[in-house]
Amino acid sequence: MCLPGSTLLILPSDTQGEPVSQPHSQLDTFQKANGIKSNLILNLLSWVDFLQPKYCIFENVHGFLSYNLNAIQVDEHQTTGGISMGGLKFLVHAMLAMKYVMLPLL
């Protein structure tokens, strides 16, 4: 069992081992405004808050940059509105609030 402060690294994945960024892939033609997989980042941030790992590594998926929070489903392939780049803004805000430093890996 992992205890808070004893974890060195978190590499995000869902229960099947897939990256939490998968629903934000631009290869997914069925965009969902309220898809359950789109909210996996919330689960991940809860674990980061609880375990307080020294490092967290997030996959850089271009589609995550265009993920808008509070978007509205237009049809089965399209969403509209919401907070522009809301997913990224939320992630950065949450990590900074937990006293993490955000650094890009090249």
C-alpha atoms as a PDB file:
ATOM      1  CA  MET A   1       0.000   0.000   0.000  1.00  0.00           C
ATOM      2  CA  CYS A   2       1.269   3.442  -0.922  1.00  0.00           C
ATOM      3  CA  LEU A   3       1.300   6.002   1.842  1.00  0.00           C
ATOM      4  CA  PRO A   4       1.189   9.768   1.346  1.00  0.00           C
ATOM      5  CA  GLY A   5       4.675  11.105   0.703  1.00  0.00           C
ATOM      6  CA  SER A   6       6.176   7.651   0.015  1.00  0.00           C
ATOM      7  CA  THR A   7       5.469   7.642  -3.732  1.00  0.00           C
ATOM      8  CA  LEU A   8       8.212   8.817  -6.085  1.00  0.00           C
ATOM      9  CA  LEU A   9       6.378   8.964  -9.423  1.00  0.00           C
ATOM     10  CA  ILE A  10       2.871   8.835 -10.909  1.00  0.00           C
ATOM     11  CA  LEU A  11       2.434   7.906 -14.574  1.00  0.00           C
ATOM     12  CA  PRO A  12      -1.260   8.439 -15.407  1.00  0.00           C
ATOM     13  CA  SER A  13      -3.313   5.575 -16.878  1.00  0.00           C
ATOM     14  CA  ASP A  14      -6.882   4.330 -16.566  1.00  0.00           C
ATOM     15  CA  THR A  15      -7.957   0.943 -15.197  1.00  0.00           C
ATOM     16  CA  GLN A  16      -7.007  -0.768 -18.465  1.00  0.00           C
ATOM     17  CA  GLY A  17      -3.532   0.802 -18.475  1.00  0.00           C
ATOM     18  CA  GLU A  18      -4.406   3.298 -21.202  1.00  0.00           C
ATOM     19  CA  PRO A  19      -3.206   6.901 -20.867  1.00  0.00           C
ATOM     20  CA  VAL A  20      -5.798   9.242 -19.320  1.00  0.00           C
ATOM     21  CA  SER A  21      -5.217  11.481 -22.321  1.00  0.00           C
ATOM     22  CA  GLN A  22      -6.692   8.891 -24.721  1.00  0.00           C
ATOM     23  CA  PRO A  23     -10.164  10.497 -24.938  1.00  0.00           C
ATOM     24  CA  HIS A  24      -8.474  13.738 -25.995  1.00  0.00           C
ATOM     25  CA  SER A  25      -6.797  12.175 -29.018  1.00  0.00           C
ATOM     26  CA  GLN A  26      -7.765  13.874 -32.263  1.00  0.00           C
ATOM     27  CA  LEU A  27      -8.012  10.408 -33.814  1.00  0.00           C
ATOM     28  CA  ASP A  28     -11.214   9.885 -31.806  1.00  0.00           C
ATOM     29  CA  THR A  29     -13.980  11.054 -34.153  1.00  0.00           C
ATOM     30  CA  PHE A  30     -16.677  10.624 -31.481  1.00  0.00           C
ATOM     31  CA  GLN A  31     -15.974  13.615 -29.245  1.00  0.00           C
ATOM     32  CA  LYS A  32     -18.036  13.665 -26.060  1.00  0.00           C
ATOM     33  CA  ALA A  33     -18.710  16.782 -23.980  1.00  0.00           C
ATOM     34  CA  ASN A  34     -19.352  14.722 -20.837  1.00  0.00           C
ATOM     35  CA  GLY A  35     -17.623  11.426 -21.585  1.00  0.00           C
ATOM     36  CA  ILE A  36     -16.639   9.505 -18.461  1.00  0.00           C
ATOM     37  CA  LYS A  37     -13.087   9.005 -19.769  1.00  0.00           C
ATOM     38  CA  SER A  38     -12.752  12.771 -20.236  1.00  0.00           C
ATOM     39  CA  ASN A  39     -13.024  13.108 -16.463  1.00  0.00           C
ATOM     40  CA  LEU A  40     -10.210  10.659 -15.631  1.00  0.00           C
ATOM     41  CA  ILE A  41      -7.962  13.650 -15.020  1.00  0.00           C
ATOM     42  CA  LEU A  42     -10.067  14.429 -11.937  1.00  0.00           C
ATOM     43  CA  ASN A  43      -9.431  10.949 -10.532  1.00  0.00           C
ATOM     44  CA  LEU A  44      -5.725  11.305 -11.257  1.00  0.00           C
ATOM     45  CA  LEU A  45      -5.529  14.683  -9.514  1.00  0.00           C
ATOM     46  CA  SER A  46      -7.246  13.176  -6.464  1.00  0.00           C
ATOM     47  CA  TRP A  47      -4.534  10.508  -6.271  1.00  0.00           C
ATOM     48  CA  VAL A  48      -1.793  13.105  -6.714  1.00  0.00           C
ATOM     49  CA  ASP A  49      -3.325  15.137  -3.884  1.00  0.00           C
ATOM     50  CA  PHE A  50      -3.538  12.064  -1.630  1.00  0.00           C
ATOM     51  CA  LEU A  51      -0.207  10.358  -2.426  1.00  0.00           C
ATOM     52  CA  GLN A  52       1.863  13.540  -2.829  1.00  0.00           C
ATOM     53  CA  PRO A  53       4.406  11.962  -5.196  1.00  0.00           C
ATOM     54  CA  LYS A  54       7.691  13.717  -5.826  1.00  0.00           C
ATOM     55  CA  TYR A  55       7.090  13.656  -9.603  1.00  0.00           C
ATOM     56  CA  CYS A  56       4.121  13.383 -11.990  1.00  0.00           C
ATOM     57  CA  ILE A  57       4.551  12.855 -15.713  1.00  0.00           C
ATOM     58  CA  PHE A  58       1.707  13.753 -18.066  1.00  0.00           C
ATOM     59  CA  GLU A  59       1.577  12.720 -21.708  1.00  0.00           C
ATOM     60  CA  ASN A  60       1.528  15.694 -24.069  1.00  0.00           C
ATOM     61  CA  VAL A  61      -1.522  15.097 -26.284  1.00  0.00           C
ATOM     62  CA  HIS A  62      -2.335  17.919 -28.683  1.00  0.00           C
ATOM     63  CA  GLY A  63      -6.067  17.234 -28.372  1.00  0.00           C
ATOM     64  CA  PHE A  64      -5.941  18.034 -24.650  1.00  0.00           C
ATOM     65  CA  LEU A  65      -5.082  21.627 -25.577  1.00  0.00           C
ATOM     66  CA  SER A  66      -8.396  21.924 -27.410  1.00  0.00           C
ATOM     67  CA  TYR A  67     -10.441  20.198 -24.674  1.00  0.00           C
ATOM     68  CA  ASN A  68     -13.002  22.750 -23.476  1.00  0.00           C
ATOM     69  CA  LEU A  69     -14.588  22.366 -20.050  1.00  0.00           C
ATOM     70  CA  ASN A  70     -18.387  22.786 -19.954  1.00  0.00           C
ATOM     71  CA  ALA A  71     -18.689  22.176 -23.698  1.00  0.00           C
ATOM     72  CA  ILE A  72     -22.077  21.279 -25.194  1.00  0.00           C
ATOM     73  CA  GLN A  73     -22.645  18.219 -27.378  1.00  0.00           C
ATOM     74  CA  VAL A  74     -23.756  19.320 -30.885  1.00  0.00           C
ATOM     75  CA  ASP A  75     -23.956  15.853 -32.453  1.00  0.00           C
ATOM     76  CA  GLU A  76     -22.176  12.514 -32.015  1.00  0.00           C
ATOM     77  CA  HIS A  77     -18.957  13.865 -33.563  1.00  0.00           C
ATOM     78  CA  GLN A  78     -18.800  17.450 -32.337  1.00  0.00           C
ATOM     79  CA  THR A  79     -18.875  19.669 -29.254  1.00  0.00           C
ATOM     80  CA  THR A  80     -19.096  23.449 -29.011  1.00  0.00           C
ATOM     81  CA  GLY A  81     -18.540  26.221 -26.487  1.00  0.00           C
ATOM     82  CA  GLY A  82     -17.114  25.827 -23.034  1.00  0.00           C
ATOM     83  CA  ILE A  83     -13.940  27.231 -21.507  1.00  0.00           C
ATOM     84  CA  SER A  84     -11.220  27.389 -24.148  1.00  0.00           C
ATOM     85  CA  MET A  85      -8.314  25.091 -23.191  1.00  0.00           C
ATOM     86  CA  GLY A  86     -10.230  24.489 -19.956  1.00  0.00           C
ATOM     87  CA  GLY A  87      -8.765  21.034 -19.327  1.00  0.00           C
ATOM     88  CA  LEU A  88      -5.188  22.313 -19.448  1.00  0.00           C
ATOM     89  CA  LYS A  89      -6.036  25.399 -17.369  1.00  0.00           C
ATOM     90  CA  PHE A  90      -7.663  23.200 -14.729  1.00  0.00           C
ATOM     91  CA  LEU A  91      -4.713  20.778 -14.644  1.00  0.00           C
ATOM     92  CA  VAL A  92      -2.135  23.566 -14.284  1.00  0.00           C
ATOM     93  CA  HIS A  93      -4.190  25.355 -11.623  1.00  0.00           C
ATOM     94  CA  ALA A  94      -4.671  22.145  -9.611  1.00  0.00           C
ATOM     95  CA  MET A  95      -0.989  21.177  -9.783  1.00  0.00           C
ATOM     96  CA  LEU A  96       0.159  24.669  -8.775  1.00  0.00           C
ATOM     97  CA  ALA A  97      -2.364  24.699  -5.910  1.00  0.00           C
ATOM     98  CA  MET A  98      -0.765  21.447  -4.681  1.00  0.00           C
ATOM     99  CA  LYS A  99       2.655  23.205  -4.781  1.00  0.00           C
ATOM    100  CA  TYR A 100       4.023  21.358  -7.837  1.00  0.00           C
ATOM    101  CA  VAL A 101       6.289  23.030 -10.393  1.00  0.00           C
ATOM    102  CA  MET A 102       5.255  22.555 -14.029  1.00  0.00           C
ATOM    103  CA  LEU A 103       8.187  21.841 -16.380  1.00  0.00           C
ATOM    104  CA  PRO A 104       8.039  20.754 -20.023  1.00  0.00           C
ATOM    105  CA  LEU A 105      10.144  17.722 -20.946  1.00  0.00           C
ATOM    106  CA  LEU A 106      11.786  18.000 -24.328  1.00  0.00           C
END
